[in-house]
Amino acid sequence: MLSRDQRQRILAAAAEVVAKRGYQDTTIERIVKRAGVSRATFYENFDNREDCLLVCFAEATAELRRRLAEAAAGIEGWPEQVRAALTAGLDFAASEPALARACLVEVMTAGPRAMAIYEQALQGFAPFFLAGRELDGASAELPETLEDSIVGGIVWMVHQRLLRGEVDAIPGLLPTMLAFALGPYMGEERAAEFVAAEPA
């Protein structure tokens, strides 16, 4: 069994190679060279490059969930929780651009299994926005797919910045992202006022 250090080095190397070259041009040889381990060491813990990428994706998703939950914990008010969580998510993506690109851009080219796991992961974040339906003034006729659409839109915004190599612009997405996420529940005017207000 690999030591945790070796395993993490391989995962970090895989993210870096995939982000730089794209999934289709990523080889195990390039991953192990970047990680400074042997092919045998790679195969002790991963079946192939797809398995490695999917483990990388799963760990990144778990870390993102942890950071979002930690950021929102103890904060009163759902809109305030959304602000804190989105800020944490954007900071994570900006601080780990190779990992973010591997998981949000390149994973889409890794085949149907990877795409299915990606879609399932996105759906897992949708329930966080359900609380918006309980806000005073929220419409009772919001579409059933609203939360999935919000998550998809948020991810798309980050995806576009990563695709263009505009990593430094990722944290600056917060106002647009907040208005997009809160508007359907609060109304555009109230959402704009909330976005413009300084955090408490």
N, C-alpha and C. Protein backbone atom coordinates (compact mmCIF):
# COMPACT_ATOMS: atom_id res chain seq x y z
N MET A 1 0.85 -1.20 0.00
CA MET A 1 0.00 0.00 0.00
C MET A 1 0.88 1.24 0.00
N LEU A 2 0.51 2.23 -0.81
CA LEU A 2 1.30 3.44 -0.87
C LEU A 2 1.24 4.20 0.44
N SER A 3 2.32 4.89 0.75
CA SER A 3 2.24 5.83 1.86
C SER A 3 1.32 6.96 1.42
N ARG A 4 0.71 7.62 2.38
CA ARG A 4 -0.21 8.70 2.04
C ARG A 4 0.54 9.80 1.28
N ASP A 5 1.78 10.04 1.64
CA ASP A 5 2.55 11.08 0.96
C ASP A 5 2.71 10.76 -0.52
N GLN A 6 3.06 9.51 -0.84
CA GLN A 6 3.22 9.12 -2.24
C GLN A 6 1.90 9.23 -2.99
N ARG A 7 0.84 8.78 -2.35
CA ARG A 7 -0.48 8.82 -2.98
C ARG A 7 -0.88 10.26 -3.29
N GLN A 8 -0.68 11.15 -2.33
CA GLN A 8 -1.04 12.54 -2.54
C GLN A 8 -0.17 13.19 -3.60
N ARG A 9 1.09 12.78 -3.68
CA ARG A 9 1.97 13.31 -4.72
C ARG A 9 1.48 12.89 -6.10
N ILE A 10 1.04 11.65 -6.22
CA ILE A 10 0.51 11.17 -7.50
C ILE A 10 -0.76 11.92 -7.87
N LEU A 11 -1.65 12.13 -6.92
CA LEU A 11 -2.89 12.85 -7.20
C LEU A 11 -2.61 14.30 -7.60
N ALA A 12 -1.69 14.93 -6.88
CA ALA A 12 -1.33 16.31 -7.22
C ALA A 12 -0.70 16.38 -8.60
N ALA A 13 0.16 15.41 -8.90
CA ALA A 13 0.82 15.38 -10.20
C ALA A 13 -0.21 15.15 -11.31
N ALA A 14 -1.16 14.26 -11.07
CA ALA A 14 -2.19 13.98 -12.06
C ALA A 14 -2.98 15.25 -12.37
N ALA A 15 -3.36 15.99 -11.34
CA ALA A 15 -4.11 17.23 -11.55
C ALA A 15 -3.29 18.22 -12.37
N GLU A 16 -2.02 18.33 -12.06
CA GLU A 16 -1.16 19.28 -12.76
C GLU A 16 -0.98 18.90 -14.23
N VAL A 17 -0.75 17.61 -14.48
CA VAL A 17 -0.55 17.16 -15.86
C VAL A 17 -1.84 17.29 -16.66
N VAL A 18 -2.95 16.88 -16.07
CA VAL A 18 -4.24 16.97 -16.76
C VAL A 18 -4.58 18.43 -17.06
N ALA A 19 -4.34 19.30 -16.08
CA ALA A 19 -4.65 20.72 -16.28
C ALA A 19 -3.79 21.32 -17.39
N LYS A 20 -2.54 20.89 -17.48
CA LYS A 20 -1.61 21.46 -18.47
C LYS A 20 -1.81 20.88 -19.86
N ARG A 21 -2.00 19.57 -19.95
CA ARG A 21 -2.02 18.89 -21.24
C ARG A 21 -3.40 18.45 -21.70
N GLY A 22 -4.36 18.46 -20.77
CA GLY A 22 -5.67 17.91 -21.10
C GLY A 22 -5.68 16.42 -20.81
N TYR A 23 -6.86 15.88 -20.54
CA TYR A 23 -6.95 14.47 -20.15
C TYR A 23 -6.46 13.54 -21.26
N GLN A 24 -6.83 13.83 -22.49
CA GLN A 24 -6.49 12.92 -23.58
C GLN A 24 -4.98 12.80 -23.81
N ASP A 25 -4.24 13.85 -23.50
CA ASP A 25 -2.78 13.81 -23.68
C ASP A 25 -2.03 13.49 -22.39
N THR A 26 -2.78 13.14 -21.37
CA THR A 26 -2.15 12.75 -20.10
C THR A 26 -1.85 11.26 -20.13
N THR A 27 -0.63 10.90 -19.79
CA THR A 27 -0.23 9.49 -19.72
C THR A 27 0.24 9.17 -18.32
N ILE A 28 0.23 7.90 -18.01
CA ILE A 28 0.73 7.49 -16.70
C ILE A 28 2.22 7.83 -16.58
N GLU A 29 2.95 7.70 -17.70
CA GLU A 29 4.38 8.04 -17.69
C GLU A 29 4.59 9.49 -17.25
N ARG A 30 3.77 10.39 -17.76
CA ARG A 30 3.90 11.81 -17.40
C ARG A 30 3.52 12.05 -15.94
N ILE A 31 2.50 11.33 -15.48
CA ILE A 31 2.09 11.49 -14.09
C ILE A 31 3.18 11.04 -13.13
N VAL A 32 3.72 9.84 -13.39
CA VAL A 32 4.73 9.31 -12.45
C VAL A 32 6.02 10.12 -12.50
N LYS A 33 6.34 10.64 -13.68
CA LYS A 33 7.54 11.49 -13.79
C LYS A 33 7.36 12.76 -12.97
N ARG A 34 6.18 13.35 -13.08
CA ARG A 34 5.90 14.57 -12.33
C ARG A 34 5.88 14.30 -10.83
N ALA A 35 5.35 13.13 -10.43
CA ALA A 35 5.24 12.78 -9.01
C ALA A 35 6.55 12.26 -8.44
N GLY A 36 7.47 11.84 -9.31
CA GLY A 36 8.74 11.28 -8.84
C GLY A 36 8.59 9.90 -8.24
N VAL A 37 7.68 9.09 -8.85
CA VAL A 37 7.48 7.71 -8.38
C VAL A 37 7.56 6.78 -9.58
N SER A 38 7.59 5.50 -9.30
CA SER A 38 7.66 4.51 -10.38
C SER A 38 6.27 4.13 -10.87
N ARG A 39 6.21 3.51 -12.06
CA ARG A 39 4.92 3.00 -12.56
C ARG A 39 4.34 1.98 -11.59
N ALA A 40 5.20 1.15 -11.04
CA ALA A 40 4.73 0.13 -10.09
C ALA A 40 4.06 0.79 -8.89
N THR A 41 4.63 1.88 -8.44
CA THR A 41 4.05 2.59 -7.31
C THR A 41 2.68 3.16 -7.68
N PHE A 42 2.58 3.67 -8.89
CA PHE A 42 1.29 4.17 -9.36
C PHE A 42 0.23 3.07 -9.32
N TYR A 43 0.58 1.89 -9.86
CA TYR A 43 -0.39 0.81 -9.97
C TYR A 43 -0.69 0.12 -8.64
N GLU A 44 0.06 0.45 -7.62
CA GLU A 44 -0.27 -0.08 -6.29
C GLU A 44 -1.57 0.53 -5.76
N ASN A 45 -1.91 1.71 -6.26
CA ASN A 45 -3.08 2.39 -5.72
C ASN A 45 -4.13 2.80 -6.74
N PHE A 46 -3.77 2.80 -8.01
CA PHE A 46 -4.71 3.21 -9.04
C PHE A 46 -4.72 2.20 -10.18
N ASP A 47 -5.90 1.93 -10.72
CA ASP A 47 -6.02 0.96 -11.80
C ASP A 47 -5.49 1.52 -13.12
N ASN A 48 -5.75 2.81 -13.36
CA ASN A 48 -5.37 3.44 -14.61
C ASN A 48 -5.50 4.95 -14.44
N ARG A 49 -5.32 5.70 -15.51
CA ARG A 49 -5.37 7.16 -15.38
C ARG A 49 -6.78 7.67 -15.09
N GLU A 50 -7.81 6.97 -15.62
CA GLU A 50 -9.17 7.38 -15.31
C GLU A 50 -9.45 7.22 -13.82
N ASP A 51 -9.06 6.10 -13.27
CA ASP A 51 -9.24 5.84 -11.84
C ASP A 51 -8.55 6.93 -11.03
N CYS A 52 -7.34 7.28 -11.43
CA CYS A 52 -6.58 8.31 -10.72
C CYS A 52 -7.30 9.65 -10.77
N LEU A 53 -7.79 10.04 -11.94
CA LEU A 53 -8.50 11.30 -12.08
C LEU A 53 -9.78 11.30 -11.25
N LEU A 54 -10.49 10.19 -11.23
CA LEU A 54 -11.75 10.14 -10.50
C LEU A 54 -11.52 10.17 -8.99
N VAL A 55 -10.43 9.56 -8.52
CA VAL A 55 -10.08 9.68 -7.10
C VAL A 55 -9.73 11.12 -6.78
N CYS A 56 -8.99 11.76 -7.66
CA CYS A 56 -8.65 13.16 -7.50
C CYS A 56 -9.92 14.01 -7.43
N PHE A 57 -10.85 13.74 -8.31
CA PHE A 57 -12.11 14.47 -8.34
C PHE A 57 -12.90 14.25 -7.05
N ALA A 58 -12.96 13.00 -6.59
CA ALA A 58 -13.71 12.68 -5.37
C ALA A 58 -13.12 13.39 -4.15
N GLU A 59 -11.80 13.40 -4.07
CA GLU A 59 -11.15 14.05 -2.92
C GLU A 59 -11.33 15.56 -2.97
N ALA A 60 -11.26 16.13 -4.17
CA ALA A 60 -11.45 17.57 -4.31
C ALA A 60 -12.89 17.95 -3.95
N THR A 61 -13.86 17.13 -4.37
CA THR A 61 -15.25 17.38 -4.05
C THR A 61 -15.49 17.32 -2.55
N ALA A 62 -14.89 16.33 -1.89
CA ALA A 62 -15.03 16.20 -0.45
C ALA A 62 -14.42 17.40 0.27
N GLU A 63 -13.27 17.85 -0.20
CA GLU A 63 -12.62 19.02 0.41
C GLU A 63 -13.45 20.28 0.19
N LEU A 64 -14.03 20.42 -0.99
CA LEU A 64 -14.89 21.57 -1.25
C LEU A 64 -16.10 21.56 -0.33
N ARG A 65 -16.72 20.41 -0.18
CA ARG A 65 -17.87 20.29 0.74
C ARG A 65 -17.47 20.70 2.15
N ARG A 66 -16.32 20.23 2.58
CA ARG A 66 -15.84 20.57 3.93
C ARG A 66 -15.66 22.07 4.09
N ARG A 67 -15.05 22.70 3.10
CA ARG A 67 -14.80 24.14 3.18
C ARG A 67 -16.10 24.95 3.14
N LEU A 68 -17.04 24.53 2.32
CA LEU A 68 -18.31 25.24 2.25
C LEU A 68 -19.07 25.13 3.58
N ALA A 69 -19.10 23.93 4.13
CA ALA A 69 -19.80 23.71 5.41
C ALA A 69 -19.14 24.50 6.53
N GLU A 70 -17.83 24.51 6.54
CA GLU A 70 -17.09 25.24 7.58
C GLU A 70 -17.34 26.74 7.45
N ALA A 71 -17.37 27.24 6.22
CA ALA A 71 -17.57 28.67 6.00
C ALA A 71 -18.97 29.11 6.43
N ALA A 72 -19.97 28.26 6.18
CA ALA A 72 -21.35 28.63 6.48
C ALA A 72 -21.75 28.36 7.93
N ALA A 73 -20.96 27.54 8.62
CA ALA A 73 -21.31 27.15 9.99
C ALA A 73 -21.34 28.36 10.92
N GLY A 74 -22.38 28.42 11.73
CA GLY A 74 -22.47 29.48 12.73
C GLY A 74 -22.91 30.83 12.20
N ILE A 75 -23.20 30.93 10.92
CA ILE A 75 -23.64 32.19 10.33
C ILE A 75 -25.16 32.21 10.28
N GLU A 76 -25.76 33.28 10.78
CA GLU A 76 -27.21 33.40 10.77
C GLU A 76 -27.66 33.97 9.43
N GLY A 77 -28.74 33.43 8.93
CA GLY A 77 -29.32 33.93 7.70
C GLY A 77 -28.81 33.15 6.49
N TRP A 78 -29.75 32.63 5.72
CA TRP A 78 -29.36 31.83 4.56
C TRP A 78 -28.60 32.63 3.51
N PRO A 79 -29.02 33.84 3.16
CA PRO A 79 -28.24 34.60 2.17
C PRO A 79 -26.79 34.83 2.63
N GLU A 80 -26.62 35.07 3.93
CA GLU A 80 -25.28 35.26 4.48
C GLU A 80 -24.47 33.97 4.40
N GLN A 81 -25.13 32.84 4.61
CA GLN A 81 -24.46 31.55 4.47
C GLN A 81 -24.02 31.31 3.03
N VAL A 82 -24.89 31.70 2.08
CA VAL A 82 -24.55 31.55 0.66
C VAL A 82 -23.32 32.40 0.33
N ARG A 83 -23.31 33.64 0.82
CA ARG A 83 -22.16 34.51 0.57
C ARG A 83 -20.86 33.88 1.10
N ALA A 84 -20.92 33.38 2.33
CA ALA A 84 -19.72 32.79 2.95
C ALA A 84 -19.28 31.54 2.20
N ALA A 85 -20.23 30.70 1.83
CA ALA A 85 -19.90 29.45 1.14
C ALA A 85 -19.32 29.73 -0.25
N LEU A 86 -19.94 30.63 -1.00
CA LEU A 86 -19.44 30.95 -2.33
C LEU A 86 -18.05 31.58 -2.25
N THR A 87 -17.83 32.42 -1.27
CA THR A 87 -16.50 33.02 -1.09
C THR A 87 -15.46 31.93 -0.86
N ALA A 88 -15.80 30.97 0.01
CA ALA A 88 -14.86 29.87 0.29
C ALA A 88 -14.62 29.02 -0.95
N GLY A 89 -15.68 28.75 -1.71
CA GLY A 89 -15.53 27.95 -2.91
C GLY A 89 -14.67 28.63 -3.96
N LEU A 90 -14.87 29.92 -4.15
CA LEU A 90 -14.07 30.67 -5.12
C LEU A 90 -12.61 30.75 -4.69
N ASP A 91 -12.40 30.94 -3.40
CA ASP A 91 -11.02 30.99 -2.89
C ASP A 91 -10.31 29.64 -3.10
N PHE A 92 -11.04 28.56 -2.91
CA PHE A 92 -10.48 27.22 -3.11
C PHE A 92 -10.06 27.04 -4.57
N ALA A 93 -10.95 27.40 -5.49
CA ALA A 93 -10.65 27.25 -6.91
C ALA A 93 -9.46 28.12 -7.32
N ALA A 94 -9.41 29.35 -6.80
CA ALA A 94 -8.32 30.25 -7.16
C ALA A 94 -6.98 29.83 -6.57
N SER A 95 -7.03 29.18 -5.41
CA SER A 95 -5.79 28.76 -4.75
C SER A 95 -5.27 27.42 -5.27
N GLU A 96 -6.14 26.66 -5.95
CA GLU A 96 -5.76 25.36 -6.51
C GLU A 96 -6.19 25.30 -7.98
N PRO A 97 -5.61 26.16 -8.82
CA PRO A 97 -6.10 26.25 -10.21
C PRO A 97 -5.94 24.97 -11.03
N ALA A 98 -4.83 24.25 -10.81
CA ALA A 98 -4.64 23.00 -11.56
C ALA A 98 -5.71 21.98 -11.17
N LEU A 99 -5.94 21.86 -9.88
CA LEU A 99 -6.96 20.93 -9.39
C LEU A 99 -8.34 21.35 -9.89
N ALA A 100 -8.63 22.63 -9.84
CA ALA A 100 -9.92 23.13 -10.30
C ALA A 100 -10.11 22.87 -11.79
N ARG A 101 -9.08 23.11 -12.59
CA ARG A 101 -9.22 22.88 -14.03
C ARG A 101 -9.39 21.39 -14.31
N ALA A 102 -8.62 20.55 -13.63
CA ALA A 102 -8.74 19.11 -13.84
C ALA A 102 -10.16 18.63 -13.52
N CYS A 103 -10.74 19.19 -12.45
CA CYS A 103 -12.04 18.70 -11.97
C CYS A 103 -13.25 19.37 -12.62
N LEU A 104 -13.08 20.58 -13.13
CA LEU A 104 -14.22 21.29 -13.69
C LEU A 104 -14.18 21.42 -15.20
N VAL A 105 -13.01 21.23 -15.79
CA VAL A 105 -12.88 21.37 -17.23
C VAL A 105 -12.53 20.03 -17.88
N GLU A 106 -11.39 19.49 -17.49
CA GLU A 106 -10.87 18.31 -18.16
C GLU A 106 -11.64 17.03 -17.85
N VAL A 107 -12.27 16.97 -16.67
CA VAL A 107 -13.01 15.75 -16.33
C VAL A 107 -14.13 15.48 -17.34
N MET A 108 -14.61 16.54 -17.99
CA MET A 108 -15.68 16.38 -18.96
C MET A 108 -15.23 15.63 -20.21
N THR A 109 -13.94 15.53 -20.41
CA THR A 109 -13.42 14.84 -21.60
C THR A 109 -12.94 13.43 -21.28
N ALA A 110 -13.18 12.99 -20.05
CA ALA A 110 -12.63 11.71 -19.60
C ALA A 110 -13.56 10.52 -19.81
N GLY A 111 -14.66 10.73 -20.53
CA GLY A 111 -15.52 9.60 -20.84
C GLY A 111 -16.83 9.62 -20.08
N PRO A 112 -17.75 8.73 -20.44
CA PRO A 112 -19.10 8.72 -19.86
C PRO A 112 -19.13 8.46 -18.35
N ARG A 113 -18.26 7.59 -17.86
CA ARG A 113 -18.26 7.32 -16.42
C ARG A 113 -17.88 8.57 -15.63
N ALA A 114 -16.84 9.25 -16.09
CA ALA A 114 -16.41 10.47 -15.43
C ALA A 114 -17.49 11.54 -15.49
N MET A 115 -18.14 11.64 -16.64
CA MET A 115 -19.20 12.64 -16.81
C MET A 115 -20.37 12.36 -15.89
N ALA A 116 -20.72 11.09 -15.73
CA ALA A 116 -21.83 10.72 -14.85
C ALA A 116 -21.49 11.07 -13.39
N ILE A 117 -20.26 10.81 -12.99
CA ILE A 117 -19.83 11.12 -11.62
C ILE A 117 -19.81 12.63 -11.41
N TYR A 118 -19.37 13.36 -12.42
CA TYR A 118 -19.35 14.83 -12.37
C TYR A 118 -20.77 15.37 -12.18
N GLU A 119 -21.70 14.88 -12.98
CA GLU A 119 -23.09 15.36 -12.90
C GLU A 119 -23.70 15.01 -11.54
N GLN A 120 -23.40 13.83 -11.05
CA GLN A 120 -23.91 13.42 -9.74
C GLN A 120 -23.36 14.31 -8.63
N ALA A 121 -22.09 14.67 -8.74
CA ALA A 121 -21.47 15.54 -7.73
C ALA A 121 -22.13 16.91 -7.73
N LEU A 122 -22.40 17.45 -8.91
CA LEU A 122 -23.05 18.76 -9.00
C LEU A 122 -24.44 18.71 -8.36
N GLN A 123 -25.17 17.64 -8.63
CA GLN A 123 -26.51 17.50 -8.05
C GLN A 123 -26.46 17.45 -6.53
N GLY A 124 -25.34 16.97 -6.00
CA GLY A 124 -25.19 16.87 -4.55
C GLY A 124 -25.11 18.22 -3.85
N PHE A 125 -24.78 19.27 -4.60
CA PHE A 125 -24.70 20.60 -4.00
C PHE A 125 -26.04 21.35 -4.07
N ALA A 126 -26.95 20.86 -4.89
CA ALA A 126 -28.23 21.54 -5.09
C ALA A 126 -29.05 21.71 -3.81
N PRO A 127 -29.11 20.72 -2.90
CA PRO A 127 -29.94 20.89 -1.71
C PRO A 127 -29.60 22.10 -0.84
N PHE A 128 -28.36 22.58 -0.93
CA PHE A 128 -27.96 23.74 -0.14
C PHE A 128 -28.83 24.96 -0.47
N PHE A 129 -29.31 25.02 -1.70
CA PHE A 129 -30.09 26.19 -2.12
C PHE A 129 -31.59 26.04 -1.85
N LEU A 130 -32.01 24.86 -1.43
CA LEU A 130 -33.43 24.65 -1.17
C LEU A 130 -33.96 25.58 -0.08
N ALA A 131 -33.10 25.95 0.86
CA ALA A 131 -33.54 26.83 1.94
C ALA A 131 -34.03 28.17 1.41
N GLY A 132 -33.60 28.55 0.22
CA GLY A 132 -34.06 29.80 -0.35
C GLY A 132 -35.55 29.83 -0.59
N ARG A 133 -36.14 28.67 -0.77
CA ARG A 133 -37.59 28.59 -1.00
C ARG A 133 -38.38 28.97 0.26
N GLU A 134 -37.72 28.95 1.42
CA GLU A 134 -38.39 29.28 2.68
C GLU A 134 -38.30 30.76 3.02
N LEU A 135 -37.59 31.54 2.23
CA LEU A 135 -37.46 32.97 2.51
C LEU A 135 -38.81 33.67 2.37
N ASP A 136 -39.01 34.71 3.18
CA ASP A 136 -40.22 35.52 3.05
C ASP A 136 -40.24 36.14 1.66
N GLY A 137 -41.35 36.01 0.99
CA GLY A 137 -41.50 36.59 -0.33
C GLY A 137 -41.08 35.69 -1.47
N ALA A 138 -40.50 34.53 -1.16
CA ALA A 138 -40.10 33.61 -2.22
C ALA A 138 -41.33 33.05 -2.91
N SER A 139 -41.30 32.95 -4.21
CA SER A 139 -42.44 32.45 -4.97
C SER A 139 -42.67 30.97 -4.69
N ALA A 140 -43.92 30.60 -4.66
CA ALA A 140 -44.27 29.19 -4.48
C ALA A 140 -44.23 28.44 -5.80
N GLU A 141 -43.96 29.15 -6.88
CA GLU A 141 -44.00 28.54 -8.21
C GLU A 141 -42.62 28.45 -8.85
N LEU A 142 -41.61 28.37 -8.04
CA LEU A 142 -40.26 28.21 -8.57
C LEU A 142 -40.12 26.83 -9.22
N PRO A 143 -39.43 26.74 -10.35
CA PRO A 143 -39.30 25.44 -11.03
C PRO A 143 -38.57 24.41 -10.19
N GLU A 144 -38.94 23.16 -10.36
CA GLU A 144 -38.32 22.08 -9.59
C GLU A 144 -36.83 21.96 -9.84
N THR A 145 -36.40 22.32 -11.03
CA THR A 145 -35.00 22.17 -11.40
C THR A 145 -34.15 23.40 -11.08
N LEU A 146 -34.73 24.37 -10.36
CA LEU A 146 -34.03 25.63 -10.11
C LEU A 146 -32.67 25.42 -9.45
N GLU A 147 -32.64 24.62 -8.40
CA GLU A 147 -31.38 24.46 -7.65
C GLU A 147 -30.29 23.82 -8.51
N ASP A 148 -30.66 22.84 -9.33
CA ASP A 148 -29.68 22.24 -10.24
C ASP A 148 -29.16 23.28 -11.22
N SER A 149 -30.05 24.15 -11.68
CA SER A 149 -29.66 25.19 -12.63
C SER A 149 -28.71 26.19 -11.99
N ILE A 150 -28.96 26.53 -10.73
CA ILE A 150 -28.09 27.47 -10.02
C ILE A 150 -26.69 26.89 -9.86
N VAL A 151 -26.62 25.64 -9.42
CA VAL A 151 -25.32 25.00 -9.26
C VAL A 151 -24.60 24.94 -10.61
N GLY A 152 -25.32 24.55 -11.64
CA GLY A 152 -24.72 24.48 -12.97
C GLY A 152 -24.19 25.82 -13.44
N GLY A 153 -24.95 26.89 -13.17
CA GLY A 153 -24.52 28.22 -13.56
C GLY A 153 -23.30 28.68 -12.81
N ILE A 154 -23.26 28.39 -11.52
CA ILE A 154 -22.11 28.76 -10.69
C ILE A 154 -20.85 28.07 -11.19
N VAL A 155 -20.96 26.78 -11.45
CA VAL A 155 -19.82 26.01 -11.94
C VAL A 155 -19.38 26.51 -13.32
N TRP A 156 -20.36 26.85 -14.16
CA TRP A 156 -20.04 27.34 -15.50
C TRP A 156 -19.22 28.62 -15.44
N MET A 157 -19.55 29.51 -14.51
CA MET A 157 -18.80 30.76 -14.38
C MET A 157 -17.33 30.49 -14.07
N VAL A 158 -17.09 29.58 -13.15
CA VAL A 158 -15.71 29.24 -12.80
C VAL A 158 -15.04 28.51 -13.96
N HIS A 159 -15.79 27.61 -14.59
CA HIS A 159 -15.29 26.86 -15.74
C HIS A 159 -14.77 27.80 -16.83
N GLN A 160 -15.51 28.86 -17.11
CA GLN A 160 -15.11 29.79 -18.16
C GLN A 160 -13.82 30.53 -17.80
N ARG A 161 -13.67 30.92 -16.57
CA ARG A 161 -12.44 31.60 -16.15
C ARG A 161 -11.25 30.63 -16.24
N LEU A 162 -11.45 29.40 -15.84
CA LEU A 162 -10.38 28.41 -15.93
C LEU A 162 -10.01 28.13 -17.37
N LEU A 163 -11.01 28.05 -18.22
CA LEU A 163 -10.79 27.78 -19.63
C LEU A 163 -9.96 28.87 -20.28
N ARG A 164 -10.16 30.10 -19.84
CA ARG A 164 -9.44 31.25 -20.40
C ARG A 164 -8.13 31.53 -19.68
N GLY A 165 -7.85 30.76 -18.63
CA GLY A 165 -6.64 31.00 -17.86
C GLY A 165 -6.72 32.25 -16.98
N GLU A 166 -7.93 32.68 -16.67
CA GLU A 166 -8.14 33.89 -15.87
C GLU A 166 -8.34 33.53 -14.40
N VAL A 167 -7.37 32.88 -13.82
CA VAL A 167 -7.48 32.40 -12.44
C VAL A 167 -7.65 33.56 -11.47
N ASP A 168 -6.90 34.65 -11.70
CA ASP A 168 -6.97 35.79 -10.78
C ASP A 168 -8.35 36.43 -10.74
N ALA A 169 -9.15 36.18 -11.78
CA ALA A 169 -10.49 36.78 -11.84
C ALA A 169 -11.54 35.96 -11.11
N ILE A 170 -11.18 34.77 -10.67
CA ILE A 170 -12.18 33.89 -10.06
C ILE A 170 -12.79 34.48 -8.79
N PRO A 171 -12.02 34.99 -7.82
CA PRO A 171 -12.66 35.55 -6.63
C PRO A 171 -13.60 36.71 -6.95
N GLY A 172 -13.31 37.45 -8.03
CA GLY A 172 -14.14 38.58 -8.41
C GLY A 172 -15.50 38.19 -8.97
N LEU A 173 -15.73 36.91 -9.15
CA LEU A 173 -17.04 36.42 -9.61
C LEU A 173 -18.11 36.52 -8.53
N LEU A 174 -17.71 36.75 -7.28
CA LEU A 174 -18.66 36.67 -6.16
C LEU A 174 -19.91 37.51 -6.34
N PRO A 175 -19.83 38.81 -6.67
CA PRO A 175 -21.07 39.60 -6.80
C PRO A 175 -22.03 39.05 -7.85
N THR A 176 -21.50 38.71 -9.02
CA THR A 176 -22.35 38.16 -10.08
C THR A 176 -22.96 36.84 -9.66
N MET A 177 -22.14 36.02 -9.02
CA MET A 177 -22.58 34.70 -8.59
C MET A 177 -23.66 34.79 -7.51
N LEU A 178 -23.47 35.72 -6.57
CA LEU A 178 -24.45 35.91 -5.51
C LEU A 178 -25.79 36.37 -6.07
N ALA A 179 -25.75 37.35 -6.97
CA ALA A 179 -26.99 37.85 -7.57
C ALA A 179 -27.69 36.74 -8.34
N PHE A 180 -26.92 35.94 -9.04
CA PHE A 180 -27.48 34.82 -9.81
C PHE A 180 -28.14 33.79 -8.90
N ALA A 181 -27.48 33.48 -7.78
CA ALA A 181 -27.98 32.44 -6.88
C ALA A 181 -29.15 32.91 -6.02
N LEU A 182 -29.12 34.17 -5.61
CA LEU A 182 -30.15 34.66 -4.69
C LEU A 182 -31.36 35.27 -5.38
N GLY A 183 -31.16 35.79 -6.58
CA GLY A 183 -32.23 36.49 -7.29
C GLY A 183 -33.53 35.72 -7.42
N PRO A 184 -33.51 34.46 -7.79
CA PRO A 184 -34.78 33.73 -7.95
C PRO A 184 -35.59 33.63 -6.67
N TYR A 185 -34.92 33.68 -5.52
CA TYR A 185 -35.62 33.53 -4.25
C TYR A 185 -35.98 34.88 -3.63
N MET A 186 -35.06 35.84 -3.72
CA MET A 186 -35.24 37.13 -3.06
C MET A 186 -35.85 38.18 -3.98
N GLY A 187 -35.80 37.92 -5.28
CA GLY A 187 -36.16 38.94 -6.24
C GLY A 187 -34.89 39.72 -6.60
N GLU A 188 -34.82 40.19 -7.82
CA GLU A 188 -33.60 40.83 -8.29
C GLU A 188 -33.22 42.06 -7.48
N GLU A 189 -34.21 42.86 -7.11
CA GLU A 189 -33.92 44.10 -6.38
C GLU A 189 -33.35 43.82 -4.99
N ARG A 190 -34.01 42.96 -4.24
CA ARG A 190 -33.52 42.63 -2.89
C ARG A 190 -32.16 41.95 -2.97
N ALA A 191 -31.99 41.09 -3.95
CA ALA A 191 -30.71 40.40 -4.10
C ALA A 191 -29.60 41.41 -4.40
N ALA A 192 -29.88 42.38 -5.27
CA ALA A 192 -28.88 43.39 -5.61
C ALA A 192 -28.51 44.21 -4.38
N GLU A 193 -29.49 44.54 -3.55
CA GLU A 193 -29.21 45.29 -2.32
C GLU A 193 -28.34 44.47 -1.37
N PHE A 194 -28.63 43.18 -1.28
CA PHE A 194 -27.84 42.32 -0.41
C PHE A 194 -26.40 42.21 -0.92
N VAL A 195 -26.24 42.03 -2.23
CA VAL A 195 -24.91 41.90 -2.81
C VAL A 195 -24.09 43.17 -2.59
N ALA A 196 -24.77 44.33 -2.70
CA ALA A 196 -24.06 45.61 -2.56
C ALA A 196 -23.68 45.92 -1.10
N ALA A 197 -24.42 45.34 -0.17
CA ALA A 197 -24.16 45.61 1.25
C ALA A 197 -22.88 44.93 1.70
N GLU A 198 -22.15 45.59 2.57
CA GLU A 198 -20.93 44.99 3.12
C GLU A 198 -21.30 43.85 4.04
N PRO A 199 -20.54 42.73 4.02
CA PRO A 199 -20.80 41.62 4.95
C PRO A 199 -20.68 42.09 6.39
N ALA A 200 -21.51 41.53 7.25
CA ALA A 200 -21.46 41.92 8.66
C ALA A 200 -20.16 41.48 9.28
